[in-house]
């Protein structure tokens, strides 16, 4: 006989599996229509079945156009692109540093776990 906690865990897993299956079926059957009402690029193609007649689609509001660029000048100048490049490089270097710190912390923790397991087993 399985322990009580294991049986409860199995029931929870089966319930979660059923919920994911029901959500997947709902999205497969109605997901593209529901998303297409709000997301413009997710609209179903012409071969898709018609949208169910329920609630009307919310109106799509377009963002107001920004100020026009000066005539003869590109909207993204070299100074802006240089700043974007330097900001991206600085961000990438900071992320690389964080990953190095995490890697070192994980390495130390794994070594501690292995040493502890070696003391228990040997």
PDB file of N, CA and C in Angstrom:
ATOM      1  N   UNK A   1       0.842  -1.183   0.000  1.00  0.00           N
ATOM      2  CA  UNK A   1       0.000   0.000   0.000  1.00  0.00           C
ATOM      3  C   UNK A   1       0.888   1.248   0.000  1.00  0.00           C
ATOM      4  N   UNK A   2       0.509   2.225  -0.761  1.00  0.00           N
ATOM      5  CA  UNK A   2       1.284   3.452  -0.856  1.00  0.00           C
ATOM      6  C   UNK A   2       1.007   4.338   0.352  1.00  0.00           C
ATOM      7  N   UNK A   3       2.004   5.132   0.760  1.00  0.00           N
ATOM      8  CA  UNK A   3       1.772   6.058   1.878  1.00  0.00           C
ATOM      9  C   UNK A   3       0.705   7.089   1.509  1.00  0.00           C
ATOM     10  N   UNK A   4       0.063   7.620   2.534  1.00  0.00           N
ATOM     11  CA  UNK A   4      -1.030   8.570   2.330  1.00  0.00           C
ATOM     12  C   UNK A   4      -0.561   9.819   1.570  1.00  0.00           C
ATOM     13  N   UNK A   5       0.610  10.347   1.923  1.00  0.00           N
ATOM     14  CA  UNK A   5       1.098  11.553   1.259  1.00  0.00           C
ATOM     15  C   UNK A   5       1.337  11.303  -0.224  1.00  0.00           C
ATOM     16  N   UNK A   6       1.766  10.084  -0.573  1.00  0.00           N
ATOM     17  CA  UNK A   6       2.014   9.770  -1.972  1.00  0.00           C
ATOM     18  C   UNK A   6       0.704   9.679  -2.752  1.00  0.00           C
ATOM     19  N   UNK A   7      -0.330   9.093  -2.121  1.00  0.00           N
ATOM     20  CA  UNK A   7      -1.644   9.021  -2.776  1.00  0.00           C
ATOM     21  C   UNK A   7      -2.220  10.411  -2.996  1.00  0.00           C
ATOM     22  N   UNK A   8      -2.040  11.294  -2.001  1.00  0.00           N
ATOM     23  CA  UNK A   8      -2.523  12.683  -2.150  1.00  0.00           C
ATOM     24  C   UNK A   8      -1.766  13.368  -3.278  1.00  0.00           C
ATOM     25  N   UNK A   9      -0.466  13.137  -3.346  1.00  0.00           N
ATOM     26  CA  UNK A   9       0.347  13.719  -4.413  1.00  0.00           C
ATOM     27  C   UNK A   9      -0.125  13.232  -5.788  1.00  0.00           C
ATOM     28  N   UNK A  10      -0.455  11.953  -5.896  1.00  0.00           N
ATOM     29  CA  UNK A  10      -0.966  11.415  -7.160  1.00  0.00           C
ATOM     30  C   UNK A  10      -2.292  12.054  -7.545  1.00  0.00           C
ATOM     31  N   UNK A  11      -3.176  12.246  -6.576  1.00  0.00           N
ATOM     32  CA  UNK A  11      -4.476  12.872  -6.860  1.00  0.00           C
ATOM     33  C   UNK A  11      -4.276  14.310  -7.322  1.00  0.00           C
ATOM     34  N   UNK A  12      -3.385  15.028  -6.657  1.00  0.00           N
ATOM     35  CA  UNK A  12      -3.110  16.419  -7.054  1.00  0.00           C
ATOM     36  C   UNK A  12      -2.512  16.447  -8.457  1.00  0.00           C
ATOM     37  N   UNK A  13      -1.589  15.544  -8.748  1.00  0.00           N
ATOM     38  CA  UNK A  13      -0.999  15.479 -10.089  1.00  0.00           C
ATOM     39  C   UNK A  13      -2.044  15.181 -11.152  1.00  0.00           C
ATOM     40  N   UNK A  14      -2.938  14.249 -10.872  1.00  0.00           N
ATOM     41  CA  UNK A  14      -3.993  13.923 -11.841  1.00  0.00           C
ATOM     42  C   UNK A  14      -4.942  15.098 -12.042  1.00  0.00           C
ATOM     43  N   UNK A  15      -5.267  15.804 -10.948  1.00  0.00           N
ATOM     44  CA  UNK A  15      -6.126  16.983 -11.073  1.00  0.00           C
ATOM     45  C   UNK A  15      -5.446  18.061 -11.900  1.00  0.00           C
ATOM     46  N   UNK A  16      -4.156  18.254 -11.672  1.00  0.00           N
ATOM     47  CA  UNK A  16      -3.403  19.246 -12.451  1.00  0.00           C
ATOM     48  C   UNK A  16      -3.340  18.844 -13.919  1.00  0.00           C
ATOM     49  N   UNK A  17      -3.122  17.576 -14.175  1.00  0.00           N
ATOM     50  CA  UNK A  17      -3.095  17.085 -15.546  1.00  0.00           C
ATOM     51  C   UNK A  17      -4.442  17.289 -16.237  1.00  0.00           C
ATOM     52  N   UNK A  18      -5.535  17.036 -15.517  1.00  0.00           N
ATOM     53  CA  UNK A  18      -6.870  17.247 -16.084  1.00  0.00           C
ATOM     54  C   UNK A  18      -7.114  18.734 -16.361  1.00  0.00           C
ATOM     55  N   UNK A  19      -6.661  19.608 -15.454  1.00  0.00           N
ATOM     56  CA  UNK A  19      -6.841  21.047 -15.651  1.00  0.00           C
ATOM     57  C   UNK A  19      -6.050  21.536 -16.854  1.00  0.00           C
ATOM     58  N   UNK A  20      -4.822  21.062 -17.002  1.00  0.00           N
ATOM     59  CA  UNK A  20      -4.009  21.460 -18.155  1.00  0.00           C
ATOM     60  C   UNK A  20      -4.635  20.933 -19.442  1.00  0.00           C
ATOM     61  N   UNK A  21      -5.142  19.711 -19.410  1.00  0.00           N
ATOM     62  CA  UNK A  21      -5.808  19.160 -20.598  1.00  0.00           C
ATOM     63  C   UNK A  21      -7.044  19.953 -20.974  1.00  0.00           C
ATOM     64  N   UNK A  22      -7.850  20.328 -19.978  1.00  0.00           N
ATOM     65  CA  UNK A  22      -9.054  21.115 -20.259  1.00  0.00           C
ATOM     66  C   UNK A  22      -8.679  22.492 -20.798  1.00  0.00           C
ATOM     67  N   UNK A  23      -7.658  23.115 -20.206  1.00  0.00           N
ATOM     68  CA  UNK A  23      -7.221  24.422 -20.694  1.00  0.00           C
ATOM     69  C   UNK A  23      -6.676  24.316 -22.117  1.00  0.00           C
ATOM     70  N   UNK A  24      -5.900  23.267 -22.382  1.00  0.00           N
ATOM     71  CA  UNK A  24      -5.375  23.077 -23.735  1.00  0.00           C
ATOM     72  C   UNK A  24      -6.483  22.864 -24.748  1.00  0.00           C
ATOM     73  N   UNK A  25      -7.493  22.070 -24.381  1.00  0.00           N
ATOM     74  CA  UNK A  25      -8.615  21.849 -25.298  1.00  0.00           C
ATOM     75  C   UNK A  25      -9.368  23.149 -25.536  1.00  0.00           C
ATOM     76  N   UNK A  26      -9.574  23.923 -24.476  1.00  0.00           N
ATOM     77  CA  UNK A  26     -10.302  25.196 -24.643  1.00  0.00           C
ATOM     78  C   UNK A  26      -9.520  26.151 -25.540  1.00  0.00           C
ATOM     79  N   UNK A  27      -8.216  26.223 -25.320  1.00  0.00           N
ATOM     80  CA  UNK A  27      -7.412  27.107 -26.161  1.00  0.00           C
ATOM     81  C   UNK A  27      -7.366  26.605 -27.602  1.00  0.00           C
ATOM     82  N   UNK A  28      -7.317  25.301 -27.776  1.00  0.00           N
ATOM     83  CA  UNK A  28      -7.274  24.759 -29.131  1.00  0.00           C
ATOM     84  C   UNK A  28      -8.573  25.026 -29.873  1.00  0.00           C
ATOM     85  N   UNK A  29      -9.681  24.976 -29.158  1.00  0.00           N
ATOM     86  CA  UNK A  29     -10.982  25.160 -29.815  1.00  0.00           C
ATOM     87  C   UNK A  29     -11.374  26.620 -29.948  1.00  0.00           C
ATOM     88  N   UNK A  30     -11.010  27.463 -28.965  1.00  0.00           N
ATOM     89  CA  UNK A  30     -11.483  28.841 -29.002  1.00  0.00           C
ATOM     90  C   UNK A  30     -10.361  29.849 -28.826  1.00  0.00           C
ATOM     91  N   UNK A  31      -9.127  29.397 -28.616  1.00  0.00           N
ATOM     92  CA  UNK A  31      -8.043  30.308 -28.290  1.00  0.00           C
ATOM     93  C   UNK A  31      -7.723  31.322 -29.364  1.00  0.00           C
ATOM     94  N   UNK A  32      -7.684  30.904 -30.615  1.00  0.00           N
ATOM     95  CA  UNK A  32      -7.321  31.849 -31.669  1.00  0.00           C
ATOM     96  C   UNK A  32      -8.397  32.901 -31.853  1.00  0.00           C
ATOM     97  N   UNK A  33      -9.636  32.528 -31.635  1.00  0.00           N
ATOM     98  CA  UNK A  33     -10.711  33.519 -31.773  1.00  0.00           C
ATOM     99  C   UNK A  33     -10.670  34.511 -30.620  1.00  0.00           C
ATOM    100  N   UNK A  34     -10.449  34.026 -29.407  1.00  0.00           N
ATOM    101  CA  UNK A  34     -10.397  34.914 -28.254  1.00  0.00           C
ATOM    102  C   UNK A  34      -9.206  35.848 -28.353  1.00  0.00           C
ATOM    103  N   UNK A  35      -8.056  35.339 -28.767  1.00  0.00           N
ATOM    104  CA  UNK A  35      -6.873  36.183 -28.876  1.00  0.00           C
ATOM    105  C   UNK A  35      -6.999  37.145 -30.052  1.00  0.00           C
ATOM    106  N   UNK A  36      -7.634  36.709 -31.131  1.00  0.00           N
ATOM    107  CA  UNK A  36      -7.744  37.543 -32.320  1.00  0.00           C
ATOM    108  C   UNK A  36      -8.579  38.783 -32.107  1.00  0.00           C
ATOM    109  N   UNK A  37      -9.432  38.767 -31.089  1.00  0.00           N
ATOM    110  CA  UNK A  37     -10.241  39.962 -30.828  1.00  0.00           C
ATOM    111  C   UNK A  37      -9.394  41.084 -30.258  1.00  0.00           C
ATOM    112  N   UNK A  38      -8.290  40.730 -29.599  1.00  0.00           N
ATOM    113  CA  UNK A  38      -7.480  41.741 -28.937  1.00  0.00           C
ATOM    114  C   UNK A  38      -6.139  41.926 -29.630  1.00  0.00           C
ATOM    115  N   UNK A  39      -5.514  40.823 -30.012  1.00  0.00           N
ATOM    116  CA  UNK A  39      -4.185  40.882 -30.629  1.00  0.00           C
ATOM    117  C   UNK A  39      -4.363  40.895 -32.140  1.00  0.00           C
ATOM    118  N   UNK A  40      -3.900  41.939 -32.764  1.00  0.00           N
ATOM    119  CA  UNK A  40      -4.170  42.099 -34.193  1.00  0.00           C
ATOM    120  C   UNK A  40      -3.444  41.063 -35.028  1.00  0.00           C
ATOM    121  N   UNK A  41      -2.226  40.649 -34.644  1.00  0.00           N
ATOM    122  CA  UNK A  41      -1.489  39.685 -35.447  1.00  0.00           C
ATOM    123  C   UNK A  41      -1.952  38.265 -35.201  1.00  0.00           C
ATOM    124  N   UNK A  42      -2.839  38.035 -34.230  1.00  0.00           N
ATOM    125  CA  UNK A  42      -3.321  36.687 -33.937  1.00  0.00           C
ATOM    126  C   UNK A  42      -4.705  36.447 -34.522  1.00  0.00           C
ATOM    127  N   UNK A  43      -5.107  37.258 -35.438  1.00  0.00           N
ATOM    128  CA  UNK A  43      -6.418  37.051 -36.047  1.00  0.00           C
ATOM    129  C   UNK A  43      -6.403  35.766 -36.868  1.00  0.00           C
ATOM    130  N   UNK A  44      -7.479  34.987 -36.814  1.00  0.00           N
ATOM    131  CA  UNK A  44      -7.514  33.744 -37.599  1.00  0.00           C
ATOM    132  C   UNK A  44      -7.516  34.048 -39.090  1.00  0.00           C
ATOM    133  N   UNK A  45      -6.956  33.121 -39.839  1.00  0.00           N
ATOM    134  CA  UNK A  45      -6.885  33.292 -41.282  1.00  0.00           C
ATOM    135  C   UNK A  45      -8.252  33.145 -41.936  1.00  0.00           C
ATOM    136  N   UNK A  46      -8.318  33.357 -43.242  1.00  0.00           N
ATOM    137  CA  UNK A  46      -9.606  33.282 -43.927  1.00  0.00           C
ATOM    138  C   UNK A  46     -10.182  31.863 -43.928  1.00  0.00           C
ATOM    139  N   UNK A  47      -9.349  30.827 -43.771  1.00  0.00           N
ATOM    140  CA  UNK A  47      -9.851  29.460 -43.784  1.00  0.00           C
ATOM    141  C   UNK A  47     -10.353  29.029 -42.407  1.00  0.00           C
ATOM    142  N   UNK A  48     -10.134  29.853 -41.376  1.00  0.00           N
ATOM    143  CA  UNK A  48     -10.554  29.499 -40.018  1.00  0.00           C
ATOM    144  C   UNK A  48     -12.079  29.596 -39.903  1.00  0.00           C
ATOM    145  N   UNK A  49     -12.675  28.792 -39.023  1.00  0.00           N
ATOM    146  CA  UNK A  49     -14.115  28.882 -38.832  1.00  0.00           C
ATOM    147  C   UNK A  49     -14.490  30.230 -38.234  1.00  0.00           C
ATOM    148  N   UNK A  50     -15.724  30.664 -38.433  1.00  0.00           N
ATOM    149  CA  UNK A  50     -16.117  31.990 -37.925  1.00  0.00           C
ATOM    150  C   UNK A  50     -16.090  32.024 -36.396  1.00  0.00           C
ATOM    151  N   UNK A  51     -15.899  33.231 -35.883  1.00  0.00           N
ATOM    152  CA  UNK A  51     -15.840  33.441 -34.445  1.00  0.00           C
ATOM    153  C   UNK A  51     -17.212  33.197 -33.821  1.00  0.00           C
ATOM    154  N   UNK A  52     -17.259  32.571 -32.632  1.00  0.00           N
ATOM    155  CA  UNK A  52     -18.550  32.353 -31.999  1.00  0.00           C
ATOM    156  C   UNK A  52     -19.232  33.677 -31.684  1.00  0.00           C
ATOM    157  N   UNK A  53     -20.527  33.681 -31.829  1.00  0.00           N
ATOM    158  CA  UNK A  53     -21.294  34.912 -31.603  1.00  0.00           C
ATOM    159  C   UNK A  53     -21.619  35.032 -30.117  1.00  0.00           C
ATOM    160  N   UNK A  54     -20.829  35.733 -29.398  1.00  0.00           N
ATOM    161  CA  UNK A  54     -21.043  35.951 -27.972  1.00  0.00           C
ATOM    162  C   UNK A  54     -20.951  37.440 -27.724  1.00  0.00           C
ATOM    163  N   UNK A  55     -19.940  37.793 -27.023  1.00  0.00           N
ATOM    164  CA  UNK A  55     -19.696  39.194 -26.746  1.00  0.00           C
ATOM    165  C   UNK A  55     -19.056  39.857 -27.956  1.00  0.00           C
ATOM    166  N   UNK A  56     -19.323  41.129 -28.172  1.00  0.00           N
ATOM    167  CA  UNK A  56     -18.686  41.812 -29.308  1.00  0.00           C
ATOM    168  C   UNK A  56     -17.210  42.044 -29.016  1.00  0.00           C
ATOM    169  N   UNK A  57     -16.453  42.145 -30.071  1.00  0.00           N
ATOM    170  CA  UNK A  57     -15.013  42.373 -29.946  1.00  0.00           C
ATOM    171  C   UNK A  57     -14.760  43.771 -29.409  1.00  0.00           C
ATOM    172  N   UNK A  58     -13.787  43.933 -28.509  1.00  0.00           N
ATOM    173  CA  UNK A  58     -13.484  45.274 -28.009  1.00  0.00           C
ATOM    174  C   UNK A  58     -12.866  46.104 -29.128  1.00  0.00           C
ATOM    175  N   UNK A  59     -13.104  47.400 -29.109  1.00  0.00           N
ATOM    176  CA  UNK A  59     -12.535  48.240 -30.161  1.00  0.00           C
ATOM    177  C   UNK A  59     -11.024  48.297 -30.026  1.00  0.00           C
ATOM    178  N   UNK A  60     -10.367  48.274 -31.162  1.00  0.00           N
ATOM    179  CA  UNK A  60      -8.915  48.375 -31.185  1.00  0.00           C
ATOM    180  C   UNK A  60      -8.528  49.840 -31.264  1.00  0.00           C
ATOM    181  N   UNK A  61      -7.692  50.263 -30.341  1.00  0.00           N
ATOM    182  CA  UNK A  61      -7.253  51.652 -30.348  1.00  0.00           C
ATOM    183  C   UNK A  61      -5.816  51.685 -30.822  1.00  0.00           C
ATOM    184  N   UNK A  62      -5.537  52.548 -31.730  1.00  0.00           N
ATOM    185  CA  UNK A  62      -4.174  52.691 -32.253  1.00  0.00           C
ATOM    186  C   UNK A  62      -3.462  53.766 -31.456  1.00  0.00           C
ATOM    187  N   UNK A  63      -2.173  53.587 -31.278  1.00  0.00           N
ATOM    188  CA  UNK A  63      -1.379  54.580 -30.569  1.00  0.00           C
ATOM    189  C   UNK A  63      -1.295  55.841 -31.421  1.00  0.00           C
ATOM    190  N   UNK A  64      -1.336  57.004 -30.784  1.00  0.00           N
ATOM    191  CA  UNK A  64      -1.233  58.239 -31.568  1.00  0.00           C
ATOM    192  C   UNK A  64       0.138  58.313 -32.222  1.00  0.00           C
ATOM    193  N   UNK A  65       0.186  58.804 -33.448  1.00  0.00           N
ATOM    194  CA  UNK A  65       1.474  58.883 -34.133  1.00  0.00           C
ATOM    195  C   UNK A  65       2.399  59.864 -33.425  1.00  0.00           C
ATOM    196  N   UNK A  66       3.690  59.527 -33.408  1.00  0.00           N
ATOM    197  CA  UNK A  66       4.680  60.393 -32.773  1.00  0.00           C
ATOM    198  C   UNK A  66       4.972  61.587 -33.672  1.00  0.00           C
ATOM    199  N   UNK A  67       5.784  62.501 -33.179  1.00  0.00           N
ATOM    200  CA  UNK A  67       6.125  63.657 -34.005  1.00  0.00           C
ATOM    201  C   UNK A  67       6.945  63.209 -35.212  1.00  0.00           C
ATOM    202  N   UNK A  68       6.707  63.806 -36.351  1.00  0.00           N
ATOM    203  CA  UNK A  68       7.449  63.394 -37.553  1.00  0.00           C
ATOM    204  C   UNK A  68       8.918  63.757 -37.425  1.00  0.00           C
ATOM    205  N   UNK A  69       9.749  62.942 -38.068  1.00  0.00           N
ATOM    206  CA  UNK A  69      11.183  63.213 -38.069  1.00  0.00           C
ATOM    207  C   UNK A  69      11.458  64.451 -38.919  1.00  0.00           C
ATOM    208  N   UNK A  70      12.552  65.097 -38.601  1.00  0.00           N
ATOM    209  CA  UNK A  70      12.934  66.274 -39.373  1.00  0.00           C
ATOM    210  C   UNK A  70      13.198  65.855 -40.813  1.00  0.00           C
ATOM    211  N   UNK A  71      12.829  66.695 -41.784  1.00  0.00           N
ATOM    212  CA  UNK A  71      13.055  66.312 -43.175  1.00  0.00           C
ATOM    213  C   UNK A  71      14.540  66.124 -43.459  1.00  0.00           C
ATOM    214  N   UNK A  72      14.841  65.025 -44.157  1.00  0.00           N
ATOM    215  CA  UNK A  72      16.214  64.747 -44.536  1.00  0.00           C
ATOM    216  C   UNK A  72      17.037  64.121 -43.421  1.00  0.00           C
ATOM    217  N   UNK A  73      16.450  63.835 -42.275  1.00  0.00           N
ATOM    218  CA  UNK A  73      17.191  63.246 -41.150  1.00  0.00           C
ATOM    219  C   UNK A  73      16.532  61.927 -40.768  1.00  0.00           C
ATOM    220  N   UNK A  74      17.292  60.861 -40.654  1.00  0.00           N
ATOM    221  CA  UNK A  74      16.702  59.584 -40.290  1.00  0.00           C
ATOM    222  C   UNK A  74      16.193  59.618 -38.846  1.00  0.00           C
ATOM    223  N   UNK A  75      15.143  58.850 -38.532  1.00  0.00           N
ATOM    224  CA  UNK A  75      14.606  58.885 -37.174  1.00  0.00           C
ATOM    225  C   UNK A  75      15.601  58.352 -36.140  1.00  0.00           C
ATOM    226  N   UNK A  76      16.471  57.428 -36.528  1.00  0.00           N
ATOM    227  CA  UNK A  76      17.489  56.918 -35.611  1.00  0.00           C
ATOM    228  C   UNK A  76      18.848  57.413 -36.076  1.00  0.00           C
ATOM    229  N   UNK A  77      19.349  58.390 -35.399  1.00  0.00           N
ATOM    230  CA  UNK A  77      20.634  58.961 -35.776  1.00  0.00           C
ATOM    231  C   UNK A  77      21.783  58.130 -35.238  1.00  0.00           C
ATOM    232  N   UNK A  78      22.998  58.429 -35.688  1.00  0.00           N
ATOM    233  CA  UNK A  78      24.163  57.669 -35.246  1.00  0.00           C
ATOM    234  C   UNK A  78      24.405  57.791 -33.742  1.00  0.00           C
ATOM    235  N   UNK A  79      24.122  58.951 -33.154  1.00  0.00           N
ATOM    236  CA  UNK A  79      24.342  59.119 -31.713  1.00  0.00           C
ATOM    237  C   UNK A  79      23.404  58.212 -30.918  1.00  0.00           C
ATOM    238  N   UNK A  80      22.158  58.105 -31.361  1.00  0.00           N
ATOM    239  CA  UNK A  80      21.194  57.253 -30.671  1.00  0.00           C
ATOM    240  C   UNK A  80      21.579  55.782 -30.809  1.00  0.00           C
ATOM    241  N   UNK A  81      22.018  55.388 -31.989  1.00  0.00           N
ATOM    242  CA  UNK A  81      22.436  54.002 -32.196  1.00  0.00           C
ATOM    243  C   UNK A  81      23.692  53.677 -31.381  1.00  0.00           C
ATOM    244  N   UNK A  82      24.619  54.631 -31.276  1.00  0.00           N
ATOM    245  CA  UNK A  82      25.826  54.419 -30.472  1.00  0.00           C
ATOM    246  C   UNK A  82      25.454  54.256 -29.003  1.00  0.00           C
ATOM    247  N   UNK A  83      24.531  55.092 -28.526  1.00  0.00           N
ATOM    248  CA  UNK A  83      24.097  54.977 -27.128  1.00  0.00           C
ATOM    249  C   UNK A  83      23.414  53.635 -26.890  1.00  0.00           C
ATOM    250  N   UNK A  84      22.587  53.207 -27.835  1.00  0.00           N
ATOM    251  CA  UNK A  84      21.921  51.908 -27.707  1.00  0.00           C
ATOM    252  C   UNK A  84      22.945  50.783 -27.644  1.00  0.00           C
ATOM    253  N   UNK A  85      23.963  50.844 -28.501  1.00  0.00           N
ATOM    254  CA  UNK A  85      25.010  49.822 -28.491  1.00  0.00           C
ATOM    255  C   UNK A  85      25.759  49.800 -27.159  1.00  0.00           C
ATOM    256  N   UNK A  86      26.115  50.978 -26.650  1.00  0.00           N
ATOM    257  CA  UNK A  86      26.870  51.019 -25.394  1.00  0.00           C
ATOM    258  C   UNK A  86      26.005  50.568 -24.219  1.00  0.00           C
ATOM    259  N   UNK A  87      24.729  50.944 -24.200  1.00  0.00           N
ATOM    260  CA  UNK A  87      23.831  50.490 -23.131  1.00  0.00           C
ATOM    261  C   UNK A  87      23.642  48.978 -23.181  1.00  0.00           C
ATOM    262  N   UNK A  88      23.529  48.437 -24.386  1.00  0.00           N
ATOM    263  CA  UNK A  88      23.368  46.988 -24.540  1.00  0.00           C
ATOM    264  C   UNK A  88      24.627  46.266 -24.086  1.00  0.00           C
ATOM    265  N   UNK A  89      25.800  46.794 -24.436  1.00  0.00           N
ATOM    266  CA  UNK A  89      27.061  46.172 -24.017  1.00  0.00           C
ATOM    267  C   UNK A  89      27.209  46.226 -22.500  1.00  0.00           C
ATOM    268  N   UNK A  90      26.854  47.348 -21.902  1.00  0.00           N
ATOM    269  CA  UNK A  90      26.953  47.483 -20.450  1.00  0.00           C
ATOM    270  C   UNK A  90      25.997  46.500 -19.760  1.00  0.00           C
ATOM    271  N   UNK A  91      24.792  46.380 -20.285  1.00  0.00           N
ATOM    272  CA  UNK A  91      23.820  45.438 -19.721  1.00  0.00           C
ATOM    273  C   UNK A  91      24.301  43.998 -19.866  1.00  0.00           C
ATOM    274  N   UNK A  92      24.856  43.655 -21.027  1.00  0.00           N
ATOM    275  CA  UNK A  92      25.357  42.297 -21.255  1.00  0.00           C
ATOM    276  C   UNK A  92      26.517  41.992 -20.314  1.00  0.00           C
ATOM    277  N   UNK A  93      27.406  42.952 -20.101  1.00  0.00           N
ATOM    278  CA  UNK A  93      28.529  42.734 -19.186  1.00  0.00           C
ATOM    279  C   UNK A  93      28.049  42.564 -17.752  1.00  0.00           C
ATOM    280  N   UNK A  94      27.035  43.322 -17.347  1.00  0.00           N
ATOM    281  CA  UNK A  94      26.486  43.171 -16.000  1.00  0.00           C
ATOM    282  C   UNK A  94      25.828  41.810 -15.833  1.00  0.00           C
ATOM    283  N   UNK A  95      25.111  41.367 -16.848  1.00  0.00           N
ATOM    284  CA  UNK A  95      24.473  40.047 -16.784  1.00  0.00           C
ATOM    285  C   UNK A  95      25.529  38.944 -16.753  1.00  0.00           C
ATOM    286  N   UNK A  96      26.594  39.106 -17.511  1.00  0.00           N
ATOM    287  CA  UNK A  96      27.668  38.118 -17.505  1.00  0.00           C
ATOM    288  C   UNK A  96      28.304  38.046 -16.124  1.00  0.00           C
ATOM    289  N   UNK A  97      28.477  39.190 -15.479  1.00  0.00           N
ATOM    290  CA  UNK A  97      29.025  39.207 -14.126  1.00  0.00           C
ATOM    291  C   UNK A  97      28.108  38.506 -13.131  1.00  0.00           C
ATOM    292  N   UNK A  98      26.794  38.757 -13.246  1.00  0.00           N
ATOM    293  CA  UNK A  98      25.840  38.080 -12.362  1.00  0.00           C
ATOM    294  C   UNK A  98      25.852  36.579 -12.587  1.00  0.00           C
ATOM    295  N   UNK A  99      25.935  36.166 -13.840  1.00  0.00           N
ATOM    296  CA  UNK A  99      25.983  34.734 -14.125  1.00  0.00           C
ATOM    297  C   UNK A  99      27.254  34.103 -13.545  1.00  0.00           C
ATOM    298  N   UNK A 100      28.365  34.820 -13.593  1.00  0.00           N
ATOM    299  CA  UNK A 100      29.594  34.317 -12.990  1.00  0.00           C
ATOM    300  C   UNK A 100      29.451  34.145 -11.488  1.00  0.00           C
ATOM    301  N   UNK A 101      28.807  35.131 -10.823  1.00  0.00           N
ATOM    302  CA  UNK A 101      28.577  35.019  -9.381  1.00  0.00           C
ATOM    303  C   UNK A 101      27.674  33.838  -9.058  1.00  0.00           C
ATOM    304  N   UNK A 102      26.606  33.669  -9.843  1.00  0.00           N
ATOM    305  CA  UNK A 102      25.699  32.540  -9.624  1.00  0.00           C
ATOM    306  C   UNK A 102      26.416  31.217  -9.861  1.00  0.00           C
ATOM    307  N   UNK A 103      27.225  31.159 -10.883  1.00  0.00           N
ATOM    308  CA  UNK A 103      27.963  29.932 -11.185  1.00  0.00           C
ATOM    309  C   UNK A 103      28.898  29.568 -10.031  1.00  0.00           C
ATOM    310  N   UNK A 104      29.583  30.547  -9.485  1.00  0.00           N
ATOM    311  CA  UNK A 104      30.486  30.289  -8.366  1.00  0.00           C
ATOM    312  C   UNK A 104      29.713  29.845  -7.130  1.00  0.00           C
ATOM    313  N   UNK A 105      28.584  30.501  -6.847  1.00  0.00           N
ATOM    314  CA  UNK A 105      27.775  30.120  -5.683  1.00  0.00           C
ATOM    315  C   UNK A 105      27.226  28.706  -5.839  1.00  0.00           C
ATOM    316  N   UNK A 106      26.790  28.361  -7.030  1.00  0.00           N
ATOM    317  CA  UNK A 106      26.267  27.014  -7.271  1.00  0.00           C
ATOM    318  C   UNK A 106      27.393  25.989  -7.156  1.00  0.00           C
ATOM    319  N   UNK A 107      28.568  26.320  -7.678  1.00  0.00           N
ATOM    320  CA  UNK A 107      29.705  25.398  -7.593  1.00  0.00           C
ATOM    321  C   UNK A 107      30.054  25.116  -6.142  1.00  0.00           C
ATOM    322  N   UNK A 108      30.105  26.175  -5.317  1.00  0.00           N
ATOM    323  CA  UNK A 108      30.424  26.000  -3.900  1.00  0.00           C
ATOM    324  C   UNK A 108      29.359  25.141  -3.224  1.00  0.00           C
ATOM    325  N   UNK A 109      28.111  25.376  -3.537  1.00  0.00           N
ATOM    326  CA  UNK A 109      27.017  24.609  -2.929  1.00  0.00           C
ATOM    327  C   UNK A 109      27.074  23.136  -3.350  1.00  0.00           C
ATOM    328  N   UNK A 110      27.348  22.869  -4.619  1.00  0.00           N
ATOM    329  CA  UNK A 110      27.443  21.484  -5.089  1.00  0.00           C
ATOM    330  C   UNK A 110      28.603  20.773  -4.411  1.00  0.00           C
ATOM    331  N   UNK A 111      29.731  21.451  -4.259  1.00  0.00           N
ATOM    332  CA  UNK A 111      30.877  20.851  -3.573  1.00  0.00           C
ATOM    333  C   UNK A 111      30.501  20.530  -2.128  1.00  0.00           C
ATOM    334  N   UNK A 112      29.809  21.447  -1.441  1.00  0.00           N
ATOM    335  CA  UNK A 112      29.374  21.188  -0.064  1.00  0.00           C
ATOM    336  C   UNK A 112      28.451  19.979   0.008  1.00  0.00           C
ATOM    337  N   UNK A 113      27.515  19.880  -0.921  1.00  0.00           N
ATOM    338  CA  UNK A 113      26.589  18.753  -0.928  1.00  0.00           C
ATOM    339  C   UNK A 113      27.327  17.447  -1.159  1.00  0.00           C
ATOM    340  N   UNK A 114      28.263  17.450  -2.112  1.00  0.00           N
ATOM    341  CA  UNK A 114      29.014  16.230  -2.397  1.00  0.00           C
ATOM    342  C   UNK A 114      29.906  15.826  -1.223  1.00  0.00           C
ATOM    343  N   UNK A 115      30.524  16.815  -0.566  1.00  0.00           N
ATOM    344  CA  UNK A 115      31.345  16.491   0.603  1.00  0.00           C
ATOM    345  C   UNK A 115      30.490  15.912   1.725  1.00  0.00           C
ATOM    346  N   UNK A 116      29.310  16.498   1.935  1.00  0.00           N
ATOM    347  CA  UNK A 116      28.402  15.997   2.965  1.00  0.00           C
ATOM    348  C   UNK A 116      27.928  14.585   2.633  1.00  0.00           C
ATOM    349  N   UNK A 117      27.616  14.330   1.372  1.00  0.00           N
ATOM    350  CA  UNK A 117      27.181  12.993   0.960  1.00  0.00           C
ATOM    351  C   UNK A 117      28.326  12.005   1.097  1.00  0.00           C
ATOM    352  N   UNK A 118      29.564  12.429   0.842  1.00  0.00           N
ATOM    353  CA  UNK A 118      30.722  11.556   0.988  1.00  0.00           C
ATOM    354  C   UNK A 118      30.972  11.180   2.438  1.00  0.00           C
ATOM    355  N   UNK A 119      30.757  12.130   3.344  1.00  0.00           N
ATOM    356  CA  UNK A 119      30.932  11.841   4.765  1.00  0.00           C
ATOM    357  C   UNK A 119      29.862  10.885   5.275  1.00  0.00           C
ATOM    358  N   UNK A 120      28.634  11.030   4.770  1.00  0.00           N
ATOM    359  CA  UNK A 120      27.540  10.153   5.215  1.00  0.00           C
ATOM    360  C   UNK A 120      27.705   8.739   4.663  1.00  0.00           C
ATOM    361  N   UNK A 121      28.123   8.656   3.424  1.00  0.00           N
ATOM    362  CA  UNK A 121      28.214   7.341   2.784  1.00  0.00           C
ATOM    363  C   UNK A 121      29.504   6.593   3.080  1.00  0.00           C
ATOM    364  N   UNK A 122      30.541   7.301   3.441  1.00  0.00           N
ATOM    365  CA  UNK A 122      31.830   6.628   3.610  1.00  0.00           C
ATOM    366  C   UNK A 122      32.187   6.495   4.986  1.00  0.00           C
TER     367      UNK A 122
END
